[in-house]
Amino acid sequence: MAVPTNGRTAADVRADLARERDQLAGAVDELRSEIHEVTDVKGKLKRNLPVATGAALAAGFVLAGGIGATVRFAFRKGRESEEEARLGRWSIRRR
């Protein structure tokens, strides 16, 4: 049998390996549970539903053209009615 050069026997090395293996298994289990918590999109959405709803509405508003589209829609509705009287740039319309 070979003589240990660092003062450790084969039994010491085996015990260290077993201890490291147990620590590694515990770390893997902890990592799996943390990954499950981090990737739980359904749970996060359920906890933050009002914020997510507001963000979705804001994104839809911006994608639809935002304030510019809303203003164009409002003024278009104003131009679709019959004009009754006009004074310069302003007019009175029947709806």
N, C-alpha and C. Protein backbone atom coordinates (compact mmCIF):
# COMPACT_ATOMS: atom_id res chain seq x y z
N MET A 1 0.83 -1.16 0.00
CA MET A 1 0.00 0.00 0.00
C MET A 1 0.88 1.24 0.00
N ALA A 2 0.39 2.30 -0.65
CA ALA A 2 1.17 3.53 -0.77
C ALA A 2 1.12 4.32 0.53
N VAL A 3 2.19 4.98 0.81
CA VAL A 3 2.30 5.79 2.02
C VAL A 3 1.73 7.18 1.72
N PRO A 4 0.81 7.70 2.54
CA PRO A 4 0.25 9.02 2.28
C PRO A 4 1.31 10.11 2.45
N THR A 5 1.31 11.08 1.54
CA THR A 5 2.32 12.13 1.60
C THR A 5 1.82 13.37 2.33
N ASN A 6 0.51 13.49 2.49
CA ASN A 6 -0.02 14.69 3.15
C ASN A 6 -0.58 14.38 4.54
N GLY A 7 -0.33 13.23 5.04
CA GLY A 7 -0.76 12.87 6.39
C GLY A 7 -2.20 12.38 6.46
N ARG A 8 -2.84 12.11 5.33
CA ARG A 8 -4.23 11.63 5.33
C ARG A 8 -4.25 10.18 4.86
N THR A 9 -5.08 9.42 5.51
CA THR A 9 -5.21 8.01 5.13
C THR A 9 -6.33 7.88 4.10
N ALA A 10 -6.45 6.72 3.54
CA ALA A 10 -7.51 6.46 2.56
C ALA A 10 -8.88 6.60 3.21
N ALA A 11 -8.99 6.22 4.46
CA ALA A 11 -10.27 6.34 5.16
C ALA A 11 -10.64 7.81 5.34
N ASP A 12 -9.64 8.67 5.60
CA ASP A 12 -9.91 10.10 5.72
C ASP A 12 -10.41 10.68 4.40
N VAL A 13 -9.79 10.27 3.32
CA VAL A 13 -10.18 10.76 2.00
C VAL A 13 -11.59 10.28 1.67
N ARG A 14 -11.89 9.02 1.97
CA ARG A 14 -13.24 8.50 1.71
C ARG A 14 -14.28 9.26 2.54
N ALA A 15 -13.97 9.55 3.78
CA ALA A 15 -14.90 10.29 4.64
C ALA A 15 -15.11 11.71 4.10
N ASP A 16 -14.03 12.35 3.64
CA ASP A 16 -14.16 13.68 3.06
C ASP A 16 -15.02 13.64 1.79
N LEU A 17 -14.81 12.64 0.96
CA LEU A 17 -15.61 12.50 -0.26
C LEU A 17 -17.08 12.29 0.07
N ALA A 18 -17.36 11.47 1.07
CA ALA A 18 -18.75 11.22 1.46
C ALA A 18 -19.39 12.50 1.99
N ARG A 19 -18.64 13.26 2.78
CA ARG A 19 -19.16 14.52 3.32
C ARG A 19 -19.42 15.53 2.18
N GLU A 20 -18.49 15.63 1.25
CA GLU A 20 -18.66 16.54 0.11
C GLU A 20 -19.85 16.11 -0.75
N ARG A 21 -20.02 14.81 -0.93
CA ARG A 21 -21.15 14.30 -1.72
C ARG A 21 -22.48 14.67 -1.06
N ASP A 22 -22.55 14.55 0.25
CA ASP A 22 -23.77 14.92 0.97
C ASP A 22 -24.05 16.43 0.87
N GLN A 23 -23.00 17.23 1.01
CA GLN A 23 -23.17 18.67 0.88
C GLN A 23 -23.63 19.05 -0.53
N LEU A 24 -23.06 18.39 -1.53
CA LEU A 24 -23.43 18.67 -2.91
C LEU A 24 -24.88 18.27 -3.17
N ALA A 25 -25.32 17.14 -2.63
CA ALA A 25 -26.71 16.72 -2.80
C ALA A 25 -27.66 17.71 -2.14
N GLY A 26 -27.31 18.21 -0.97
CA GLY A 26 -28.13 19.22 -0.30
C GLY A 26 -28.19 20.52 -1.10
N ALA A 27 -27.05 20.92 -1.68
CA ALA A 27 -27.02 22.14 -2.47
C ALA A 27 -27.86 22.00 -3.74
N VAL A 28 -27.84 20.83 -4.35
CA VAL A 28 -28.65 20.60 -5.55
C VAL A 28 -30.13 20.65 -5.21
N ASP A 29 -30.53 20.04 -4.11
CA ASP A 29 -31.93 20.10 -3.68
C ASP A 29 -32.38 21.53 -3.41
N GLU A 30 -31.54 22.29 -2.74
CA GLU A 30 -31.86 23.69 -2.46
C GLU A 30 -31.97 24.50 -3.76
N LEU A 31 -31.06 24.25 -4.68
CA LEU A 31 -31.09 24.95 -5.97
C LEU A 31 -32.35 24.61 -6.74
N ARG A 32 -32.77 23.36 -6.72
CA ARG A 32 -34.00 22.97 -7.41
C ARG A 32 -35.21 23.70 -6.84
N SER A 33 -35.28 23.82 -5.52
CA SER A 33 -36.42 24.51 -4.91
C SER A 33 -36.37 26.00 -5.23
N GLU A 34 -35.19 26.61 -5.23
CA GLU A 34 -35.07 28.02 -5.57
C GLU A 34 -35.44 28.27 -7.03
N ILE A 35 -35.04 27.38 -7.92
CA ILE A 35 -35.37 27.53 -9.33
C ILE A 35 -36.88 27.44 -9.52
N HIS A 36 -37.51 26.55 -8.78
CA HIS A 36 -38.98 26.43 -8.87
C HIS A 36 -39.65 27.72 -8.42
N GLU A 37 -39.15 28.34 -7.35
CA GLU A 37 -39.72 29.59 -6.86
C GLU A 37 -39.50 30.72 -7.86
N VAL A 38 -38.33 30.78 -8.47
CA VAL A 38 -38.01 31.86 -9.40
C VAL A 38 -38.81 31.73 -10.69
N THR A 39 -39.02 30.52 -11.15
CA THR A 39 -39.70 30.33 -12.43
C THR A 39 -41.20 30.14 -12.29
N ASP A 40 -41.75 30.39 -11.11
CA ASP A 40 -43.18 30.25 -10.89
C ASP A 40 -43.91 31.50 -11.40
N VAL A 41 -44.11 31.59 -12.71
CA VAL A 41 -44.72 32.75 -13.34
C VAL A 41 -46.18 32.88 -12.92
N LYS A 42 -46.88 31.78 -12.84
CA LYS A 42 -48.30 31.82 -12.47
C LYS A 42 -48.49 32.40 -11.07
N GLY A 43 -47.66 31.99 -10.15
CA GLY A 43 -47.75 32.50 -8.79
C GLY A 43 -47.42 33.99 -8.72
N LYS A 44 -46.39 34.41 -9.44
CA LYS A 44 -46.02 35.82 -9.46
C LYS A 44 -47.12 36.66 -10.07
N LEU A 45 -47.72 36.17 -11.15
CA LEU A 45 -48.80 36.90 -11.80
C LEU A 45 -50.00 37.01 -10.89
N LYS A 46 -50.30 35.93 -10.17
CA LYS A 46 -51.44 35.95 -9.24
C LYS A 46 -51.22 36.96 -8.12
N ARG A 47 -49.99 37.05 -7.63
CA ARG A 47 -49.69 37.99 -6.54
C ARG A 47 -49.71 39.44 -7.02
N ASN A 48 -49.36 39.68 -8.28
CA ASN A 48 -49.25 41.04 -8.81
C ASN A 48 -50.24 41.30 -9.92
N LEU A 49 -51.43 40.77 -9.81
CA LEU A 49 -52.42 40.89 -10.89
C LEU A 49 -52.79 42.34 -11.21
N PRO A 50 -53.03 43.22 -10.24
CA PRO A 50 -53.36 44.60 -10.60
C PRO A 50 -52.24 45.30 -11.37
N VAL A 51 -51.01 45.08 -10.97
CA VAL A 51 -49.88 45.70 -11.64
C VAL A 51 -49.74 45.14 -13.06
N ALA A 52 -49.90 43.84 -13.21
CA ALA A 52 -49.79 43.22 -14.53
C ALA A 52 -50.90 43.69 -15.45
N THR A 53 -52.10 43.87 -14.90
CA THR A 53 -53.22 44.35 -15.70
C THR A 53 -52.96 45.78 -16.17
N GLY A 54 -52.49 46.61 -15.28
CA GLY A 54 -52.16 48.00 -15.65
C GLY A 54 -51.08 48.06 -16.70
N ALA A 55 -50.06 47.22 -16.56
CA ALA A 55 -48.97 47.20 -17.54
C ALA A 55 -49.48 46.73 -18.90
N ALA A 56 -50.37 45.74 -18.90
CA ALA A 56 -50.92 45.26 -20.17
C ALA A 56 -51.78 46.33 -20.83
N LEU A 57 -52.58 47.04 -20.04
CA LEU A 57 -53.39 48.12 -20.60
C LEU A 57 -52.52 49.24 -21.15
N ALA A 58 -51.48 49.61 -20.42
CA ALA A 58 -50.58 50.66 -20.89
C ALA A 58 -49.86 50.25 -22.17
N ALA A 59 -49.40 48.99 -22.22
CA ALA A 59 -48.71 48.51 -23.43
C ALA A 59 -49.67 48.50 -24.62
N GLY A 60 -50.91 48.09 -24.40
CA GLY A 60 -51.89 48.09 -25.49
C GLY A 60 -52.19 49.50 -25.96
N PHE A 61 -52.28 50.43 -25.03
CA PHE A 61 -52.54 51.83 -25.39
C PHE A 61 -51.40 52.38 -26.24
N VAL A 62 -50.16 52.12 -25.83
CA VAL A 62 -49.00 52.61 -26.57
C VAL A 62 -48.92 51.95 -27.94
N LEU A 63 -49.14 50.65 -27.99
CA LEU A 63 -49.07 49.95 -29.27
C LEU A 63 -50.18 50.38 -30.23
N ALA A 64 -51.30 50.80 -29.70
CA ALA A 64 -52.41 51.24 -30.54
C ALA A 64 -52.24 52.67 -31.03
N GLY A 65 -51.23 53.35 -30.61
CA GLY A 65 -50.98 54.70 -31.09
C GLY A 65 -50.99 55.73 -29.99
N GLY A 66 -51.35 55.36 -28.81
CA GLY A 66 -51.28 56.24 -27.67
C GLY A 66 -52.22 57.43 -27.75
N ILE A 67 -51.74 58.55 -27.24
CA ILE A 67 -52.55 59.75 -27.17
C ILE A 67 -52.88 60.27 -28.56
N GLY A 68 -51.94 60.16 -29.48
CA GLY A 68 -52.20 60.65 -30.84
C GLY A 68 -53.38 59.97 -31.48
N ALA A 69 -53.48 58.68 -31.36
CA ALA A 69 -54.61 57.95 -31.95
C ALA A 69 -55.91 58.31 -31.25
N THR A 70 -55.86 58.50 -29.94
CA THR A 70 -57.06 58.86 -29.20
C THR A 70 -57.56 60.23 -29.62
N VAL A 71 -56.65 61.19 -29.76
CA VAL A 71 -57.03 62.54 -30.16
C VAL A 71 -57.55 62.54 -31.59
N ARG A 72 -56.89 61.81 -32.49
CA ARG A 72 -57.37 61.73 -33.88
C ARG A 72 -58.76 61.14 -33.93
N PHE A 73 -59.02 60.13 -33.12
CA PHE A 73 -60.34 59.51 -33.08
C PHE A 73 -61.38 60.51 -32.59
N ALA A 74 -61.05 61.27 -31.55
CA ALA A 74 -62.00 62.24 -31.01
C ALA A 74 -62.30 63.34 -32.01
N PHE A 75 -61.29 63.86 -32.70
CA PHE A 75 -61.52 64.93 -33.66
C PHE A 75 -62.18 64.41 -34.93
N ARG A 76 -61.94 63.17 -35.27
CA ARG A 76 -62.62 62.60 -36.44
C ARG A 76 -64.11 62.53 -36.17
N LYS A 77 -64.47 62.15 -34.97
CA LYS A 77 -65.89 62.10 -34.61
C LYS A 77 -66.51 63.48 -34.75
N GLY A 78 -65.76 64.52 -34.41
CA GLY A 78 -66.26 65.88 -34.53
C GLY A 78 -66.48 66.31 -35.96
N ARG A 79 -65.71 65.79 -36.89
CA ARG A 79 -65.83 66.17 -38.30
C ARG A 79 -66.93 65.40 -39.03
N GLU A 80 -67.47 64.37 -38.41
CA GLU A 80 -68.48 63.56 -39.08
C GLU A 80 -69.88 64.15 -38.97
N SER A 81 -70.09 65.15 -38.15
CA SER A 81 -71.42 65.72 -37.98
C SER A 81 -71.64 66.86 -38.98
N GLU A 82 -72.86 67.36 -39.03
CA GLU A 82 -73.20 68.46 -39.94
C GLU A 82 -72.83 69.79 -39.32
N GLU A 83 -72.30 70.66 -40.15
CA GLU A 83 -71.90 71.97 -39.68
C GLU A 83 -73.10 72.92 -39.72
N GLU A 84 -73.41 73.58 -38.61
CA GLU A 84 -74.53 74.51 -38.56
C GLU A 84 -74.06 75.95 -38.73
N ALA A 85 -72.97 76.32 -38.07
CA ALA A 85 -72.47 77.68 -38.17
C ALA A 85 -70.96 77.65 -38.08
N ARG A 86 -70.32 78.67 -38.68
CA ARG A 86 -68.86 78.72 -38.70
C ARG A 86 -68.42 80.15 -38.40
N LEU A 87 -67.38 80.26 -37.56
CA LEU A 87 -66.79 81.56 -37.26
C LEU A 87 -65.28 81.37 -37.27
N GLY A 88 -64.65 81.70 -38.37
CA GLY A 88 -63.20 81.52 -38.51
C GLY A 88 -62.86 80.03 -38.49
N ARG A 89 -61.99 79.67 -37.56
CA ARG A 89 -61.59 78.26 -37.46
C ARG A 89 -62.61 77.42 -36.72
N TRP A 90 -63.50 78.03 -35.96
CA TRP A 90 -64.43 77.30 -35.11
C TRP A 90 -65.78 77.14 -35.79
N SER A 91 -66.40 76.00 -35.48
CA SER A 91 -67.71 75.76 -36.05
C SER A 91 -68.60 75.08 -35.02
N ILE A 92 -69.90 75.24 -35.21
CA ILE A 92 -70.90 74.57 -34.37
C ILE A 92 -71.48 73.44 -35.21
N ARG A 93 -71.53 72.27 -34.67
CA ARG A 93 -71.96 71.10 -35.43
C ARG A 93 -73.13 70.41 -34.77
N ARG A 94 -74.01 69.87 -35.57
CA ARG A 94 -75.14 69.07 -35.08
C ARG A 94 -74.72 67.60 -35.12
N ARG A 95 -74.97 66.91 -34.03
CA ARG A 95 -74.58 65.49 -33.97
C ARG A 95 -75.77 64.60 -34.07
